[in-house]
C-alpha cells in the first residue's frame, strides 16, 4: 500500500510537470520543447501504468493472500476511490 501511495504521489507531480511543459511549448514552439514534452508525457504514462499495477497488486494481496480472521471483509468502489473494510 505504501508503494502504491508513493507512486500515486509521484504520478500527480509528473502530471503537473507534464502540463507545465505543455504550457512552455505553447509559448515557445521549438523542437527542443516538443521533445521535452514527449519525454514528460512518456514518463507520466509509465507512472500511470505502474501505479495501476501496484494498486491491483495491493488489492489482490489484501483480498486473497491475507488471513482476515473470521470477520467479514468487503471491498467496493466509490467516486473517492477503492474501499476495503473488515477486521484488520
PDB file of N, CA and C in Angstrom:
ATOM      1  N   UNK A   1       0.819  -1.183   0.000  1.00  0.00           N
ATOM      2  CA  UNK A   1       0.000   0.000   0.000  1.00  0.00           C
ATOM      3  C   UNK A   1       0.870   1.258   0.000  1.00  0.00           C
ATOM      4  N   UNK A   2       1.970   1.214   0.706  1.00  0.00           N
ATOM      5  CA  UNK A   2       2.870   2.371   0.747  1.00  0.00           C
ATOM      6  C   UNK A   2       3.463   2.623  -0.634  1.00  0.00           C
ATOM      7  N   UNK A   3       3.792   1.550  -1.337  1.00  0.00           N
ATOM      8  CA  UNK A   3       4.358   1.699  -2.684  1.00  0.00           C
ATOM      9  C   UNK A   3       3.321   2.328  -3.615  1.00  0.00           C
ATOM     10  N   UNK A   4       2.085   1.854  -3.522  1.00  0.00           N
ATOM     11  CA  UNK A   4       1.017   2.401  -4.364  1.00  0.00           C
ATOM     12  C   UNK A   4       0.812   3.884  -4.072  1.00  0.00           C
ATOM     13  N   UNK A   5       0.771   4.244  -2.800  1.00  0.00           N
ATOM     14  CA  UNK A   5       0.592   5.651  -2.432  1.00  0.00           C
ATOM     15  C   UNK A   5       1.772   6.498  -2.907  1.00  0.00           C
ATOM     16  N   UNK A   6       2.977   5.976  -2.768  1.00  0.00           N
ATOM     17  CA  UNK A   6       4.157   6.705  -3.228  1.00  0.00           C
ATOM     18  C   UNK A   6       4.134   6.925  -4.731  1.00  0.00           C
ATOM     19  N   UNK A   7       3.779   5.868  -5.471  1.00  0.00           N
ATOM     20  CA  UNK A   7       3.684   6.007  -6.921  1.00  0.00           C
ATOM     21  C   UNK A   7       2.596   7.003  -7.314  1.00  0.00           C
ATOM     22  N   UNK A   8       1.494   6.997  -6.593  1.00  0.00           N
ATOM     23  CA  UNK A   8       0.414   7.946  -6.889  1.00  0.00           C
ATOM     24  C   UNK A   8       0.881   9.381  -6.672  1.00  0.00           C
ATOM     25  N   UNK A   9       1.653   9.610  -5.616  1.00  0.00           N
ATOM     26  CA  UNK A   9       2.182  10.945  -5.372  1.00  0.00           C
ATOM     27  C   UNK A   9       3.120  11.405  -6.473  1.00  0.00           C
ATOM     28  N   UNK A  10       3.998  10.512  -6.896  1.00  0.00           N
ATOM     29  CA  UNK A  10       4.925  10.847  -7.986  1.00  0.00           C
ATOM     30  C   UNK A  10       4.155  11.052  -9.288  1.00  0.00           C
ATOM     31  N   UNK A  11       3.097  10.269  -9.491  1.00  0.00           N
ATOM     32  CA  UNK A  11       2.268  10.422 -10.686  1.00  0.00           C
ATOM     33  C   UNK A  11       1.616  11.794 -10.736  1.00  0.00           C
ATOM     34  N   UNK A  12       1.111  12.260  -9.623  1.00  0.00           N
ATOM     35  CA  UNK A  12       0.496  13.600  -9.580  1.00  0.00           C
ATOM     36  C   UNK A  12       1.534  14.658  -9.937  1.00  0.00           C
ATOM     37  N   UNK A  13       2.717  14.560  -9.321  1.00  0.00           N
ATOM     38  CA  UNK A  13       3.772  15.526  -9.643  1.00  0.00           C
ATOM     39  C   UNK A  13       4.111  15.473 -11.133  1.00  0.00           C
ATOM     40  N   UNK A  14       4.258  14.257 -11.669  1.00  0.00           N
ATOM     41  CA  UNK A  14       4.641  14.103 -13.068  1.00  0.00           C
ATOM     42  C   UNK A  14       3.570  14.673 -14.002  1.00  0.00           C
ATOM     43  N   UNK A  15       2.307  14.459 -13.665  1.00  0.00           N
ATOM     44  CA  UNK A  15       1.237  15.009 -14.487  1.00  0.00           C
ATOM     45  C   UNK A  15       1.255  16.524 -14.506  1.00  0.00           C
ATOM     46  N   UNK A  16       1.460  17.118 -13.337  1.00  0.00           N
ATOM     47  CA  UNK A  16       1.540  18.581 -13.275  1.00  0.00           C
ATOM     48  C   UNK A  16       2.761  19.098 -14.029  1.00  0.00           C
ATOM     49  N   UNK A  17       3.875  18.377 -13.917  1.00  0.00           N
ATOM     50  CA  UNK A  17       5.090  18.756 -14.627  1.00  0.00           C
ATOM     51  C   UNK A  17       4.893  18.658 -16.135  1.00  0.00           C
ATOM     52  N   UNK A  18       4.148  17.654 -16.572  1.00  0.00           N
ATOM     53  CA  UNK A  18       3.855  17.498 -17.998  1.00  0.00           C
ATOM     54  C   UNK A  18       2.991  18.655 -18.500  1.00  0.00           C
ATOM     55  N   UNK A  19       2.000  19.048 -17.720  1.00  0.00           N
ATOM     56  CA  UNK A  19       1.167  20.187 -18.108  1.00  0.00           C
ATOM     57  C   UNK A  19       1.989  21.475 -18.180  1.00  0.00           C
ATOM     58  N   UNK A  20       2.938  21.616 -17.269  1.00  0.00           N
ATOM     59  CA  UNK A  20       3.831  22.771 -17.288  1.00  0.00           C
ATOM     60  C   UNK A  20       4.664  22.779 -18.575  1.00  0.00           C
ATOM     61  N   UNK A  21       5.134  21.606 -18.986  1.00  0.00           N
ATOM     62  CA  UNK A  21       5.899  21.501 -20.232  1.00  0.00           C
ATOM     63  C   UNK A  21       5.051  21.840 -21.443  1.00  0.00           C
ATOM     64  N   UNK A  22       3.774  21.463 -21.398  1.00  0.00           N
ATOM     65  CA  UNK A  22       2.872  21.807 -22.495  1.00  0.00           C
ATOM     66  C   UNK A  22       2.707  23.318 -22.603  1.00  0.00           C
ATOM     67  N   UNK A  23       2.534  23.971 -21.471  1.00  0.00           N
ATOM     68  CA  UNK A  23       2.402  25.431 -21.473  1.00  0.00           C
ATOM     69  C   UNK A  23       3.663  26.096 -22.030  1.00  0.00           C
ATOM     70  N   UNK A  24       4.820  25.547 -21.660  1.00  0.00           N
ATOM     71  CA  UNK A  24       6.081  26.099 -22.168  1.00  0.00           C
ATOM     72  C   UNK A  24       6.174  25.925 -23.679  1.00  0.00           C
ATOM     73  N   UNK A  25       5.705  24.792 -24.184  1.00  0.00           N
ATOM     74  CA  UNK A  25       5.740  24.555 -25.632  1.00  0.00           C
ATOM     75  C   UNK A  25       4.794  25.505 -26.366  1.00  0.00           C
ATOM     76  N   UNK A  26       3.626  25.741 -25.796  1.00  0.00           N
ATOM     77  CA  UNK A  26       2.662  26.639 -26.437  1.00  0.00           C
ATOM     78  C   UNK A  26       3.247  28.049 -26.545  1.00  0.00           C
ATOM     79  N   UNK A  27       3.976  28.482 -25.532  1.00  0.00           N
ATOM     80  CA  UNK A  27       4.576  29.815 -25.554  1.00  0.00           C
ATOM     81  C   UNK A  27       5.784  29.897 -26.475  1.00  0.00           C
ATOM     82  N   UNK A  28       6.514  28.771 -26.619  1.00  0.00           N
ATOM     83  CA  UNK A  28       7.727  28.767 -27.435  1.00  0.00           C
ATOM     84  C   UNK A  28       7.816  27.437 -28.178  1.00  0.00           C
ATOM     85  N   UNK A  29       7.096  27.291 -29.309  1.00  0.00           N
ATOM     86  CA  UNK A  29       7.038  26.009 -30.009  1.00  0.00           C
ATOM     87  C   UNK A  29       8.317  25.682 -30.794  1.00  0.00           C
ATOM     88  N   UNK A  30       9.267  25.087 -30.092  1.00  0.00           N
ATOM     89  CA  UNK A  30      10.515  24.657 -30.719  1.00  0.00           C
ATOM     90  C   UNK A  30      10.591  23.136 -30.683  1.00  0.00           C
ATOM     91  N   UNK A  31      11.503  22.587 -31.464  1.00  0.00           N
ATOM     92  CA  UNK A  31      11.696  21.134 -31.477  1.00  0.00           C
ATOM     93  C   UNK A  31      12.178  20.636 -30.118  1.00  0.00           C
ATOM     94  N   UNK A  32      13.030  21.408 -29.477  1.00  0.00           N
ATOM     95  CA  UNK A  32      13.536  21.028 -28.147  1.00  0.00           C
ATOM     96  C   UNK A  32      12.397  20.955 -27.133  1.00  0.00           C
ATOM     97  N   UNK A  33      11.507  21.935 -27.170  1.00  0.00           N
ATOM     98  CA  UNK A  33      10.368  21.937 -26.248  1.00  0.00           C
ATOM     99  C   UNK A  33       9.419  20.780 -26.553  1.00  0.00           C
ATOM    100  N   UNK A  34       9.240  20.453 -27.828  1.00  0.00           N
ATOM    101  CA  UNK A  34       8.400  19.327 -28.215  1.00  0.00           C
ATOM    102  C   UNK A  34       8.993  18.011 -27.714  1.00  0.00           C
ATOM    103  N   UNK A  35      10.290  17.826 -27.913  1.00  0.00           N
ATOM    104  CA  UNK A  35      10.957  16.606 -27.441  1.00  0.00           C
ATOM    105  C   UNK A  35      10.867  16.485 -25.924  1.00  0.00           C
ATOM    106  N   UNK A  36      11.056  17.596 -25.222  1.00  0.00           N
ATOM    107  CA  UNK A  36      10.958  17.596 -23.767  1.00  0.00           C
ATOM    108  C   UNK A  36       9.548  17.203 -23.320  1.00  0.00           C
ATOM    109  N   UNK A  37       8.542  17.720 -24.002  1.00  0.00           N
ATOM    110  CA  UNK A  37       7.156  17.388 -23.678  1.00  0.00           C
ATOM    111  C   UNK A  37       6.849  15.922 -23.903  1.00  0.00           C
ATOM    112  N   UNK A  38       7.398  15.349 -24.966  1.00  0.00           N
ATOM    113  CA  UNK A  38       7.176  13.918 -25.243  1.00  0.00           C
ATOM    114  C   UNK A  38       7.822  13.039 -24.181  1.00  0.00           C
ATOM    115  N   UNK A  39       8.987  13.426 -23.705  1.00  0.00           N
ATOM    116  CA  UNK A  39       9.651  12.675 -22.635  1.00  0.00           C
ATOM    117  C   UNK A  39       8.823  12.752 -21.355  1.00  0.00           C
ATOM    118  N   UNK A  40       8.324  13.937 -21.038  1.00  0.00           N
ATOM    119  CA  UNK A  40       7.492  14.106 -19.842  1.00  0.00           C
ATOM    120  C   UNK A  40       6.216  13.272 -19.952  1.00  0.00           C
ATOM    121  N   UNK A  41       5.603  13.266 -21.129  1.00  0.00           N
ATOM    122  CA  UNK A  41       4.375  12.504 -21.323  1.00  0.00           C
ATOM    123  C   UNK A  41       4.631  11.001 -21.180  1.00  0.00           C
ATOM    124  N   UNK A  42       5.717  10.521 -21.750  1.00  0.00           N
ATOM    125  CA  UNK A  42       6.055   9.101 -21.630  1.00  0.00           C
ATOM    126  C   UNK A  42       6.281   8.727 -20.170  1.00  0.00           C
ATOM    127  N   UNK A  43       7.008   9.572 -19.434  1.00  0.00           N
ATOM    128  CA  UNK A  43       7.254   9.313 -18.013  1.00  0.00           C
ATOM    129  C   UNK A  43       5.939   9.223 -17.255  1.00  0.00           C
ATOM    130  N   UNK A  44       5.033  10.140 -17.533  1.00  0.00           N
ATOM    131  CA  UNK A  44       3.745  10.144 -16.848  1.00  0.00           C
ATOM    132  C   UNK A  44       2.935   8.901 -17.200  1.00  0.00           C
ATOM    133  N   UNK A  45       2.955   8.496 -18.451  1.00  0.00           N
ATOM    134  CA  UNK A  45       2.216   7.301 -18.856  1.00  0.00           C
ATOM    135  C   UNK A  45       2.780   6.036 -18.200  1.00  0.00           C
ATOM    136  N   UNK A  46       4.097   5.940 -18.098  1.00  0.00           N
ATOM    137  CA  UNK A  46       4.716   4.786 -17.435  1.00  0.00           C
ATOM    138  C   UNK A  46       4.346   4.772 -15.954  1.00  0.00           C
ATOM    139  N   UNK A  47       4.371   5.934 -15.324  1.00  0.00           N
ATOM    140  CA  UNK A  47       3.981   6.016 -13.914  1.00  0.00           C
ATOM    141  C   UNK A  47       2.512   5.660 -13.723  1.00  0.00           C
ATOM    142  N   UNK A  48       1.663   6.035 -14.664  1.00  0.00           N
ATOM    143  CA  UNK A  48       0.253   5.681 -14.578  1.00  0.00           C
ATOM    144  C   UNK A  48       0.074   4.160 -14.603  1.00  0.00           C
ATOM    145  N   UNK A  49       0.767   3.496 -15.516  1.00  0.00           N
ATOM    146  CA  UNK A  49       0.698   2.036 -15.587  1.00  0.00           C
ATOM    147  C   UNK A  49       1.251   1.370 -14.339  1.00  0.00           C
ATOM    148  N   UNK A  50       2.366   1.881 -13.836  1.00  0.00           N
ATOM    149  CA  UNK A  50       2.977   1.304 -12.638  1.00  0.00           C
ATOM    150  C   UNK A  50       2.086   1.498 -11.417  1.00  0.00           C
ATOM    151  N   UNK A  51       1.452   2.655 -11.306  1.00  0.00           N
ATOM    152  CA  UNK A  51       0.556   2.912 -10.183  1.00  0.00           C
ATOM    153  C   UNK A  51      -0.665   2.008 -10.256  1.00  0.00           C
ATOM    154  N   UNK A  52      -1.217   1.829 -11.445  1.00  0.00           N
ATOM    155  CA  UNK A  52      -2.365   0.939 -11.607  1.00  0.00           C
ATOM    156  C   UNK A  52      -1.987  -0.498 -11.257  1.00  0.00           C
ATOM    157  N   UNK A  53      -0.827  -0.958 -11.718  1.00  0.00           N
ATOM    158  CA  UNK A  53      -0.378  -2.320 -11.410  1.00  0.00           C
ATOM    159  C   UNK A  53      -0.151  -2.501  -9.915  1.00  0.00           C
ATOM    160  N   UNK A  54       0.434  -1.518  -9.271  1.00  0.00           N
ATOM    161  CA  UNK A  54       0.651  -1.597  -7.825  1.00  0.00           C
ATOM    162  C   UNK A  54      -0.674  -1.611  -7.076  1.00  0.00           C
ATOM    163  N   UNK A  55      -1.646  -0.842  -7.538  1.00  0.00           N
ATOM    164  CA  UNK A  55      -2.962  -0.827  -6.907  1.00  0.00           C
ATOM    165  C   UNK A  55      -3.668  -2.169  -7.025  1.00  0.00           C
ATOM    166  N   UNK A  56      -3.619  -2.762  -8.197  1.00  0.00           N
ATOM    167  CA  UNK A  56      -4.225  -4.078  -8.391  1.00  0.00           C
ATOM    168  C   UNK A  56      -3.511  -5.117  -7.535  1.00  0.00           C
ATOM    169  N   UNK A  57      -2.200  -5.064  -7.487  1.00  0.00           N
ATOM    170  CA  UNK A  57      -1.437  -6.000  -6.656  1.00  0.00           C
ATOM    171  C   UNK A  57      -1.808  -5.850  -5.185  1.00  0.00           C
ATOM    172  N   UNK A  58      -1.948  -4.623  -4.726  1.00  0.00           N
ATOM    173  CA  UNK A  58      -2.356  -4.379  -3.344  1.00  0.00           C
ATOM    174  C   UNK A  58      -3.722  -4.995  -3.061  1.00  0.00           C
ATOM    175  N   UNK A  59      -4.665  -4.811  -3.977  1.00  0.00           N
ATOM    176  CA  UNK A  59      -5.996  -5.385  -3.798  1.00  0.00           C
ATOM    177  C   UNK A  59      -5.970  -6.909  -3.798  1.00  0.00           C
ATOM    178  N   UNK A  60      -5.212  -7.503  -4.699  1.00  0.00           N
ATOM    179  CA  UNK A  60      -5.136  -8.970  -4.775  1.00  0.00           C
ATOM    180  C   UNK A  60      -4.517  -9.536  -3.505  1.00  0.00           C
ATOM    181  N   UNK A  61      -3.440  -8.938  -3.039  1.00  0.00           N
ATOM    182  CA  UNK A  61      -2.805  -9.422  -1.806  1.00  0.00           C
ATOM    183  C   UNK A  61      -3.767  -9.272  -0.640  1.00  0.00           C
ATOM    184  N   UNK A  62      -4.443  -8.140  -0.555  1.00  0.00           N
ATOM    185  CA  UNK A  62      -5.378  -7.922   0.538  1.00  0.00           C
ATOM    186  C   UNK A  62      -6.566  -8.861   0.494  1.00  0.00           C
ATOM    187  N   UNK A  63      -7.063  -9.140  -0.689  1.00  0.00           N
ATOM    188  CA  UNK A  63      -8.270  -9.959  -0.812  1.00  0.00           C
ATOM    189  C   UNK A  63      -8.005 -11.455  -0.736  1.00  0.00           C
ATOM    190  N   UNK A  64      -6.892 -11.917  -1.283  1.00  0.00           N
ATOM    191  CA  UNK A  64      -6.687 -13.357  -1.412  1.00  0.00           C
ATOM    192  C   UNK A  64      -5.549 -13.937  -0.581  1.00  0.00           C
ATOM    193  N   UNK A  65      -4.593 -13.135  -0.182  1.00  0.00           N
ATOM    194  CA  UNK A  65      -3.422 -13.680   0.495  1.00  0.00           C
ATOM    195  C   UNK A  65      -3.260 -13.183   1.931  1.00  0.00           C
ATOM    196  N   UNK A  66      -4.269 -12.525   2.457  1.00  0.00           N
ATOM    197  CA  UNK A  66      -4.220 -12.043   3.834  1.00  0.00           C
ATOM    198  C   UNK A  66      -5.195 -12.852   4.670  1.00  0.00           C
ATOM    199  N   UNK A  67      -4.738 -13.302   5.824  1.00  0.00           N
ATOM    200  CA  UNK A  67      -5.627 -14.039   6.719  1.00  0.00           C
ATOM    201  C   UNK A  67      -6.449 -13.020   7.503  1.00  0.00           C
ATOM    202  N   UNK A  68      -7.733 -12.989   7.267  1.00  0.00           N
ATOM    203  CA  UNK A  68      -8.601 -11.947   7.784  1.00  0.00           C
ATOM    204  C   UNK A  68      -9.348 -12.340   9.054  1.00  0.00           C
ATOM    205  N   UNK A  69      -9.021 -13.416   9.692  1.00  0.00           N
ATOM    206  CA  UNK A  69      -9.747 -13.926  10.863  1.00  0.00           C
ATOM    207  C   UNK A  69     -11.145 -14.326  10.417  1.00  0.00           C
ATOM    208  N   UNK A  70     -12.094 -14.291  11.317  1.00  0.00           N
ATOM    209  CA  UNK A  70     -13.435 -14.725  10.951  1.00  0.00           C
ATOM    210  C   UNK A  70     -14.368 -13.574  10.599  1.00  0.00           C
ATOM    211  N   UNK A  71     -13.917 -12.346  10.746  1.00  0.00           N
ATOM    212  CA  UNK A  71     -14.760 -11.195  10.441  1.00  0.00           C
ATOM    213  C   UNK A  71     -14.930 -11.063   8.931  1.00  0.00           C
ATOM    214  N   UNK A  72     -16.104 -10.672   8.485  1.00  0.00           N
ATOM    215  CA  UNK A  72     -16.304 -10.499   7.044  1.00  0.00           C
ATOM    216  C   UNK A  72     -15.483  -9.324   6.507  1.00  0.00           C
ATOM    217  N   UNK A  73     -15.061  -9.473   5.293  1.00  0.00           N
ATOM    218  CA  UNK A  73     -14.284  -8.434   4.619  1.00  0.00           C
ATOM    219  C   UNK A  73     -15.065  -8.017   3.387  1.00  0.00           C
ATOM    220  N   UNK A  74     -15.086  -6.730   3.123  1.00  0.00           N
ATOM    221  CA  UNK A  74     -15.771  -6.255   1.933  1.00  0.00           C
ATOM    222  C   UNK A  74     -14.863  -5.291   1.183  1.00  0.00           C
ATOM    223  N   UNK A  75     -15.089  -5.209  -0.106  1.00  0.00           N
ATOM    224  CA  UNK A  75     -14.355  -4.270  -0.951  1.00  0.00           C
ATOM    225  C   UNK A  75     -15.354  -3.650  -1.916  1.00  0.00           C
ATOM    226  N   UNK A  76     -15.151  -2.407  -2.247  1.00  0.00           N
ATOM    227  CA  UNK A  76     -16.042  -1.736  -3.172  1.00  0.00           C
ATOM    228  C   UNK A  76     -15.396  -0.494  -3.742  1.00  0.00           C
ATOM    229  N   UNK A  77     -16.053   0.093  -4.691  1.00  0.00           N
ATOM    230  CA  UNK A  77     -15.545   1.303  -5.332  1.00  0.00           C
ATOM    231  C   UNK A  77     -16.518   2.445  -5.088  1.00  0.00           C
ATOM    232  N   UNK A  78     -15.976   3.635  -5.004  1.00  0.00           N
ATOM    233  CA  UNK A  78     -16.779   4.834  -4.874  1.00  0.00           C
ATOM    234  C   UNK A  78     -16.108   5.920  -5.710  1.00  0.00           C
ATOM    235  N   UNK A  79     -16.767   7.046  -5.899  1.00  0.00           N
ATOM    236  CA  UNK A  79     -16.119   8.127  -6.650  1.00  0.00           C
ATOM    237  C   UNK A  79     -14.815   8.591  -5.999  1.00  0.00           C
ATOM    238  N   UNK A  80     -14.683   8.375  -4.677  1.00  0.00           N
ATOM    239  CA  UNK A  80     -13.467   8.801  -3.989  1.00  0.00           C
ATOM    240  C   UNK A  80     -12.336   7.786  -4.130  1.00  0.00           C
ATOM    241  N   UNK A  81     -12.634   6.556  -4.541  1.00  0.00           N
ATOM    242  CA  UNK A  81     -11.593   5.547  -4.712  1.00  0.00           C
ATOM    243  C   UNK A  81     -12.082   4.184  -4.255  1.00  0.00           C
ATOM    244  N   UNK A  82     -11.135   3.299  -3.974  1.00  0.00           N
ATOM    245  CA  UNK A  82     -11.462   1.949  -3.544  1.00  0.00           C
ATOM    246  C   UNK A  82     -11.661   1.935  -2.034  1.00  0.00           C
ATOM    247  N   UNK A  83     -12.617   1.142  -1.569  1.00  0.00           N
ATOM    248  CA  UNK A  83     -12.889   0.989  -0.150  1.00  0.00           C
ATOM    249  C   UNK A  83     -12.723  -0.476   0.239  1.00  0.00           C
ATOM    250  N   UNK A  84     -12.024  -0.725   1.315  1.00  0.00           N
ATOM    251  CA  UNK A  84     -11.883  -2.074   1.843  1.00  0.00           C
ATOM    252  C   UNK A  84     -12.185  -1.987   3.329  1.00  0.00           C
ATOM    253  N   UNK A  85     -13.004  -2.901   3.819  1.00  0.00           N
ATOM    254  CA  UNK A  85     -13.369  -2.857   5.227  1.00  0.00           C
ATOM    255  C   UNK A  85     -13.379  -4.235   5.838  1.00  0.00           C
ATOM    256  N   UNK A  86     -13.471  -4.269   7.136  1.00  0.00           N
ATOM    257  CA  UNK A  86     -13.464  -5.511   7.874  1.00  0.00           C
ATOM    258  C   UNK A  86     -12.544  -5.386   9.061  1.00  0.00           C
ATOM    259  N   UNK A  87     -12.234  -6.499   9.693  1.00  0.00           N
ATOM    260  CA  UNK A  87     -11.304  -6.503  10.825  1.00  0.00           C
ATOM    261  C   UNK A  87      -9.903  -6.738  10.293  1.00  0.00           C
ATOM    262  N   UNK A  88      -8.994  -5.846  10.629  1.00  0.00           N
ATOM    263  CA  UNK A  88      -7.620  -5.951  10.143  1.00  0.00           C
ATOM    264  C   UNK A  88      -6.695  -6.356  11.250  1.00  0.00           C
TER     265      UNK A  88
END
